[in-house]
Amino acid sequence: MARINLLPWREAYRQEKKKEFIGILVGVLILAGLVAYLWVSSIQSSISDQEARNRLLKTEISALEAAVAEIRELREKREELLARMRVIQDLEGKRPVIVRYFDEMVRAVPDGVYLNRLERQGEVILLEGIAESNNRVSSFMRNLDESDWFAAPNLSSVTAAPEQGEQANAFRMSVRTSAPADQAGVDEGGN
């Protein structure tokens, strides 16, 4: 039988398989490197996109905060203006009411009563005057009580004033202002 030496062929086959293995290994490493590069690039792209969105949101939030601050400032100015308008309307509306108080006071003062002092403190009017007699003071109080513009007259003191007359009396009283509901509405409307 003929002798065939297969060792070099086996050795060549092993070398060929080794080269093939190294080629596959290099191919797999290149492919793994390419996949890793693509994955890292994708993640980096996602991160940069998210950072860009975050920056956009921050700028939009700061713009909205500025708008909210401006709206808050405008509301405060609006409230101040409305308060001023209410004060002006209130003053304009109450201007004729004071004239009505004086007119009604003149009508309530009977003959023989003279007022020396008239002072208003809020809703209370303090009166000081001279009357020819106690009956005149009583008549004055009744007239004030019957008036729609005044309420609850309260006599605080009556003293004799002989220098003004034999039966003359100096008096002090207070009375509350109370405008009639229908008149107050008309007067505040500007009439």
C-alpha atoms as a PDB file:
ATOM      1  CA  MET A   1       0.000   0.000   0.000  1.00  0.00           C
ATOM      2  CA  ALA A   2       1.080   3.392  -0.691  1.00  0.00           C
ATOM      3  CA  ARG A   3       1.938   5.666   2.118  1.00  0.00           C
ATOM      4  CA  ILE A   4       0.207   9.023   2.126  1.00  0.00           C
ATOM      5  CA  ASN A   5       1.294  11.577   4.573  1.00  0.00           C
ATOM      6  CA  LEU A   6      -1.823  13.516   5.661  1.00  0.00           C
ATOM      7  CA  LEU A   7      -0.100  15.667   8.257  1.00  0.00           C
ATOM      8  CA  PRO A   8       0.653  18.616   6.006  1.00  0.00           C
ATOM      9  CA  TRP A   9      -2.893  18.532   4.729  1.00  0.00           C
ATOM     10  CA  ARG A  10      -4.221  18.519   8.285  1.00  0.00           C
ATOM     11  CA  GLU A  11      -1.876  21.253   9.173  1.00  0.00           C
ATOM     12  CA  ALA A  12      -2.992  23.292   6.152  1.00  0.00           C
ATOM     13  CA  TYR A  13      -6.642  22.554   7.061  1.00  0.00           C
ATOM     14  CA  ARG A  14      -6.019  23.719  10.630  1.00  0.00           C
ATOM     15  CA  GLN A  15      -4.323  26.852   9.374  1.00  0.00           C
ATOM     16  CA  GLU A  16      -7.182  27.520   7.023  1.00  0.00           C
ATOM     17  CA  LYS A  17      -9.754  27.015   9.812  1.00  0.00           C
ATOM     18  CA  LYS A  18      -7.676  29.226  12.094  1.00  0.00           C
ATOM     19  CA  LYS A  19      -7.648  31.990   9.459  1.00  0.00           C
ATOM     20  CA  GLU A  20     -11.359  31.506   8.941  1.00  0.00           C
ATOM     21  CA  PHE A  21     -11.963  31.724  12.718  1.00  0.00           C
ATOM     22  CA  ILE A  22      -9.811  34.842  12.994  1.00  0.00           C
ATOM     23  CA  GLY A  23     -11.683  36.382  10.011  1.00  0.00           C
ATOM     24  CA  ILE A  24     -15.035  35.587  11.603  1.00  0.00           C
ATOM     25  CA  LEU A  25     -13.781  36.908  14.946  1.00  0.00           C
ATOM     26  CA  VAL A  26     -12.557  40.130  13.325  1.00  0.00           C
ATOM     27  CA  GLY A  27     -15.863  40.407  11.427  1.00  0.00           C
ATOM     28  CA  VAL A  28     -17.840  39.896  14.634  1.00  0.00           C
ATOM     29  CA  LEU A  29     -15.658  42.454  16.451  1.00  0.00           C
ATOM     30  CA  ILE A  30     -16.125  44.954  13.626  1.00  0.00           C
ATOM     31  CA  LEU A  31     -19.854  44.268  13.569  1.00  0.00           C
ATOM     32  CA  ALA A  32     -20.038  44.569  17.393  1.00  0.00           C
ATOM     33  CA  GLY A  33     -18.033  47.805  17.234  1.00  0.00           C
ATOM     34  CA  LEU A  34     -20.347  49.139  14.520  1.00  0.00           C
ATOM     35  CA  VAL A  35     -23.453  48.179  16.534  1.00  0.00           C
ATOM     36  CA  ALA A  36     -21.937  49.733  19.688  1.00  0.00           C
ATOM     37  CA  TYR A  37     -21.079  52.892  17.746  1.00  0.00           C
ATOM     38  CA  LEU A  38     -24.595  53.119  16.311  1.00  0.00           C
ATOM     39  CA  TRP A  39     -26.127  52.485  19.768  1.00  0.00           C
ATOM     40  CA  VAL A  40     -23.908  55.138  21.426  1.00  0.00           C
ATOM     41  CA  SER A  41     -24.643  57.566  18.577  1.00  0.00           C
ATOM     42  CA  SER A  42     -28.363  56.930  18.985  1.00  0.00           C
ATOM     43  CA  ILE A  43     -28.177  57.488  22.752  1.00  0.00           C
ATOM     44  CA  GLN A  44     -26.070  60.639  22.264  1.00  0.00           C
ATOM     45  CA  SER A  45     -28.574  61.916  19.715  1.00  0.00           C
ATOM     46  CA  SER A  46     -31.456  61.225  22.109  1.00  0.00           C
ATOM     47  CA  ILE A  47     -29.608  62.995  24.930  1.00  0.00           C
ATOM     48  CA  SER A  48     -28.855  66.042  22.779  1.00  0.00           C
ATOM     49  CA  ASP A  49     -32.484  66.136  21.554  1.00  0.00           C
ATOM     50  CA  GLN A  50     -33.737  65.968  25.151  1.00  0.00           C
ATOM     51  CA  GLU A  51     -31.309  68.711  26.212  1.00  0.00           C
ATOM     52  CA  ALA A  52     -32.544  70.867  23.324  1.00  0.00           C
ATOM     53  CA  ARG A  53     -36.146  70.241  24.432  1.00  0.00           C
ATOM     54  CA  ASN A  54     -35.187  71.090  28.021  1.00  0.00           C
ATOM     55  CA  ARG A  55     -33.578  74.349  26.889  1.00  0.00           C
ATOM     56  CA  LEU A  56     -36.682  75.180  24.840  1.00  0.00           C
ATOM     57  CA  LEU A  57     -38.918  74.405  27.826  1.00  0.00           C
ATOM     58  CA  LYS A  58     -36.779  76.567  30.102  1.00  0.00           C
ATOM     59  CA  THR A  59     -36.974  79.522  27.717  1.00  0.00           C
ATOM     60  CA  GLU A  60     -40.735  79.038  27.320  1.00  0.00           C
ATOM     61  CA  ILE A  61     -41.172  78.734  31.100  1.00  0.00           C
ATOM     62  CA  SER A  62     -39.188  81.923  31.686  1.00  0.00           C
ATOM     63  CA  ALA A  63     -41.287  83.687  29.024  1.00  0.00           C
ATOM     64  CA  LEU A  64     -44.480  82.442  30.714  1.00  0.00           C
ATOM     65  CA  GLU A  65     -43.212  83.517  34.139  1.00  0.00           C
ATOM     66  CA  ALA A  66     -42.527  86.975  32.730  1.00  0.00           C
ATOM     67  CA  ALA A  67     -46.032  87.047  31.240  1.00  0.00           C
ATOM     68  CA  VAL A  68     -47.540  85.921  34.563  1.00  0.00           C
ATOM     69  CA  ALA A  69     -45.606  88.624  36.407  1.00  0.00           C
ATOM     70  CA  GLU A  70     -46.825  91.200  33.888  1.00  0.00           C
ATOM     71  CA  ILE A  71     -50.412  89.966  34.269  1.00  0.00           C
ATOM     72  CA  ARG A  72     -50.092  90.137  38.058  1.00  0.00           C
ATOM     73  CA  GLU A  73     -48.758  93.690  37.793  1.00  0.00           C
ATOM     74  CA  LEU A  74     -51.586  94.654  35.429  1.00  0.00           C
ATOM     75  CA  ARG A  75     -54.143  93.170  37.826  1.00  0.00           C
ATOM     76  CA  GLU A  76     -52.682  95.161  40.699  1.00  0.00           C
ATOM     77  CA  LYS A  77     -52.835  98.339  38.593  1.00  0.00           C
ATOM     78  CA  ARG A  78     -56.397  97.477  37.594  1.00  0.00           C
ATOM     79  CA  GLU A  79     -57.414  97.002  41.244  1.00  0.00           C
ATOM     80  CA  GLU A  80     -55.778 100.320  42.156  1.00  0.00           C
ATOM     81  CA  LEU A  81     -57.611 102.068  39.319  1.00  0.00           C
ATOM     82  CA  LEU A  82     -60.912 100.452  40.299  1.00  0.00           C
ATOM     83  CA  ALA A  83     -60.377 101.537  43.906  1.00  0.00           C
ATOM     84  CA  ARG A  84     -59.691 105.086  42.747  1.00  0.00           C
ATOM     85  CA  MET A  85     -62.762 105.021  40.521  1.00  0.00           C
ATOM     86  CA  ARG A  86     -64.907 103.779  43.422  1.00  0.00           C
ATOM     87  CA  VAL A  87     -63.611 106.589  45.640  1.00  0.00           C
ATOM     88  CA  ILE A  88     -64.299 109.185  42.941  1.00  0.00           C
ATOM     89  CA  GLN A  89     -67.770 107.753  42.242  1.00  0.00           C
ATOM     90  CA  ASP A  90     -68.476 107.654  45.947  1.00  0.00           C
ATOM     91  CA  LEU A  91     -67.425 111.290  46.327  1.00  0.00           C
ATOM     92  CA  GLU A  92     -69.396 112.322  43.262  1.00  0.00           C
ATOM     93  CA  GLY A  93     -72.425 110.395  44.482  1.00  0.00           C
ATOM     94  CA  LYS A  94     -72.322 111.792  48.006  1.00  0.00           C
ATOM     95  CA  ARG A  95     -71.795 115.397  47.000  1.00  0.00           C
ATOM     96  CA  PRO A  96     -75.527 116.151  46.597  1.00  0.00           C
ATOM     97  CA  VAL A  97     -76.331 114.190  49.781  1.00  0.00           C
ATOM     98  CA  ILE A  98     -74.492 116.750  51.917  1.00  0.00           C
ATOM     99  CA  VAL A  99     -76.567 119.510  50.344  1.00  0.00           C
ATOM    100  CA  ARG A 100     -79.688 117.522  51.218  1.00  0.00           C
ATOM    101  CA  TYR A 101     -78.498 117.202  54.836  1.00  0.00           C
ATOM    102  CA  PHE A 102     -78.077 120.964  55.116  1.00  0.00           C
ATOM    103  CA  ASP A 103     -81.422 121.594  53.439  1.00  0.00           C
ATOM    104  CA  GLU A 104     -83.173 119.174  55.780  1.00  0.00           C
ATOM    105  CA  MET A 105     -81.366 120.689  58.783  1.00  0.00           C
ATOM    106  CA  VAL A 106     -82.642 124.154  57.848  1.00  0.00           C
ATOM    107  CA  ARG A 107     -86.172 122.771  57.588  1.00  0.00           C
ATOM    108  CA  ALA A 108     -85.884 121.002  60.959  1.00  0.00           C
ATOM    109  CA  VAL A 109     -84.665 124.075  62.904  1.00  0.00           C
ATOM    110  CA  PRO A 110     -87.751 125.811  64.355  1.00  0.00           C
ATOM    111  CA  ASP A 111     -88.043 129.542  64.988  1.00  0.00           C
ATOM    112  CA  GLY A 112     -86.274 130.556  68.169  1.00  0.00           C
ATOM    113  CA  VAL A 113     -83.414 128.010  67.790  1.00  0.00           C
ATOM    114  CA  TYR A 114     -79.998 129.193  66.657  1.00  0.00           C
ATOM    115  CA  LEU A 115     -77.118 126.858  65.873  1.00  0.00           C
ATOM    116  CA  ASN A 116     -73.653 128.029  66.866  1.00  0.00           C
ATOM    117  CA  ARG A 117     -71.723 124.916  65.918  1.00  0.00           C
ATOM    118  CA  LEU A 118     -72.308 121.953  63.632  1.00  0.00           C
ATOM    119  CA  GLU A 119     -69.662 119.214  63.365  1.00  0.00           C
ATOM    120  CA  ARG A 120     -69.809 115.909  61.532  1.00  0.00           C
ATOM    121  CA  GLN A 121     -67.904 112.879  62.798  1.00  0.00           C
ATOM    122  CA  GLY A 122     -68.573 109.966  60.492  1.00  0.00           C
ATOM    123  CA  GLU A 123     -72.313 109.334  60.540  1.00  0.00           C
ATOM    124  CA  VAL A 124     -72.943 111.495  63.632  1.00  0.00           C
ATOM    125  CA  ILE A 125     -73.560 115.252  63.584  1.00  0.00           C
ATOM    126  CA  LEU A 126     -72.800 117.165  66.779  1.00  0.00           C
ATOM    127  CA  LEU A 127     -74.910 120.312  67.271  1.00  0.00           C
ATOM    128  CA  GLU A 128     -74.502 123.207  69.684  1.00  0.00           C
ATOM    129  CA  GLY A 129     -76.877 126.109  69.832  1.00  0.00           C
ATOM    130  CA  ILE A 130     -79.180 128.445  71.731  1.00  0.00           C
ATOM    131  CA  ALA A 131     -82.950 128.010  72.066  1.00  0.00           C
ATOM    132  CA  GLU A 132     -85.454 130.526  73.426  1.00  0.00           C
ATOM    133  CA  SER A 133     -87.053 127.785  75.549  1.00  0.00           C
ATOM    134  CA  ASN A 134     -86.980 124.079  76.308  1.00  0.00           C
ATOM    135  CA  ASN A 135     -90.054 123.633  74.128  1.00  0.00           C
ATOM    136  CA  ARG A 136     -88.092 124.865  71.114  1.00  0.00           C
ATOM    137  CA  VAL A 137     -85.352 122.278  71.792  1.00  0.00           C
ATOM    138  CA  SER A 138     -88.040 119.552  72.036  1.00  0.00           C
ATOM    139  CA  SER A 139     -89.612 120.752  68.802  1.00  0.00           C
ATOM    140  CA  PHE A 140     -86.187 120.698  67.113  1.00  0.00           C
ATOM    141  CA  MET A 141     -85.595 117.110  68.283  1.00  0.00           C
ATOM    142  CA  ARG A 142     -89.062 116.021  67.049  1.00  0.00           C
ATOM    143  CA  ASN A 143     -88.409 117.615  63.651  1.00  0.00           C
ATOM    144  CA  LEU A 144     -85.064 115.793  63.378  1.00  0.00           C
ATOM    145  CA  ASP A 145     -86.669 112.495  64.395  1.00  0.00           C
ATOM    146  CA  GLU A 146     -89.457 112.881  61.808  1.00  0.00           C
ATOM    147  CA  SER A 147     -86.957 113.682  59.056  1.00  0.00           C
ATOM    148  CA  ASP A 148     -85.997 110.965  56.569  1.00  0.00           C
ATOM    149  CA  TRP A 149     -82.421 112.231  56.565  1.00  0.00           C
ATOM    150  CA  PHE A 150     -81.730 112.153  60.313  1.00  0.00           C
ATOM    151  CA  ALA A 151     -82.332 109.585  63.028  1.00  0.00           C
ATOM    152  CA  ALA A 152     -81.976 109.156  66.779  1.00  0.00           C
ATOM    153  CA  PRO A 153     -81.459 112.716  68.059  1.00  0.00           C
ATOM    154  CA  ASN A 154     -79.786 112.591  71.472  1.00  0.00           C
ATOM    155  CA  LEU A 155     -79.723 115.605  73.776  1.00  0.00           C
ATOM    156  CA  SER A 156     -76.522 115.570  75.805  1.00  0.00           C
ATOM    157  CA  SER A 157     -76.826 118.808  77.790  1.00  0.00           C
ATOM    158  CA  VAL A 158     -79.081 121.801  78.329  1.00  0.00           C
ATOM    159  CA  THR A 159     -77.862 124.773  80.372  1.00  0.00           C
ATOM    160  CA  ALA A 160     -79.459 128.105  81.098  1.00  0.00           C
ATOM    161  CA  ALA A 161     -78.131 131.019  79.053  1.00  0.00           C
ATOM    162  CA  PRO A 162     -79.523 134.151  80.741  1.00  0.00           C
ATOM    163  CA  GLU A 163     -77.306 136.421  78.634  1.00  0.00           C
ATOM    164  CA  GLN A 164     -79.340 135.323  75.553  1.00  0.00           C
ATOM    165  CA  GLY A 165     -82.737 135.801  77.128  1.00  0.00           C
ATOM    166  CA  GLU A 166     -84.794 135.105  80.215  1.00  0.00           C
ATOM    167  CA  GLN A 167     -85.755 131.511  79.275  1.00  0.00           C
ATOM    168  CA  ALA A 168     -82.896 130.908  76.824  1.00  0.00           C
ATOM    169  CA  ASN A 169     -81.004 127.643  77.031  1.00  0.00           C
ATOM    170  CA  ALA A 170     -77.731 126.524  75.504  1.00  0.00           C
ATOM    171  CA  PHE A 171     -77.954 122.931  74.279  1.00  0.00           C
ATOM    172  CA  ARG A 172     -75.756 120.196  72.885  1.00  0.00           C
ATOM    173  CA  MET A 173     -77.086 117.241  70.950  1.00  0.00           C
ATOM    174  CA  SER A 174     -76.059 114.624  68.463  1.00  0.00           C
ATOM    175  CA  VAL A 175     -78.019 113.112  65.605  1.00  0.00           C
ATOM    176  CA  ARG A 176     -77.263 110.274  63.196  1.00  0.00           C
ATOM    177  CA  THR A 177     -77.419 110.764  59.451  1.00  0.00           C
ATOM    178  CA  SER A 178     -79.589 108.284  57.573  1.00  0.00           C
ATOM    179  CA  ALA A 179     -80.322 109.039  53.946  1.00  0.00           C
ATOM    180  CA  PRO A 180     -83.530 107.437  52.660  1.00  0.00           C
ATOM    181  CA  ALA A 181     -82.844 104.327  50.552  1.00  0.00           C
ATOM    182  CA  ASP A 182     -84.566 105.676  47.445  1.00  0.00           C
ATOM    183  CA  GLN A 183     -82.873 109.089  47.749  1.00  0.00           C
ATOM    184  CA  ALA A 184     -79.417 107.603  48.407  1.00  0.00           C
ATOM    185  CA  GLY A 185     -79.675 105.534  45.218  1.00  0.00           C
ATOM    186  CA  VAL A 186     -80.782 108.562  43.186  1.00  0.00           C
ATOM    187  CA  ASP A 187     -78.096 110.820  44.645  1.00  0.00           C
ATOM    188  CA  GLU A 188     -75.317 108.268  44.121  1.00  0.00           C
ATOM    189  CA  GLY A 189     -76.423 107.995  40.508  1.00  0.00           C
ATOM    190  CA  GLY A 190     -75.442 111.638  40.068  1.00  0.00           C
ATOM    191  CA  ASN A 191     -78.875 113.343  40.320  1.00  0.00           C
END
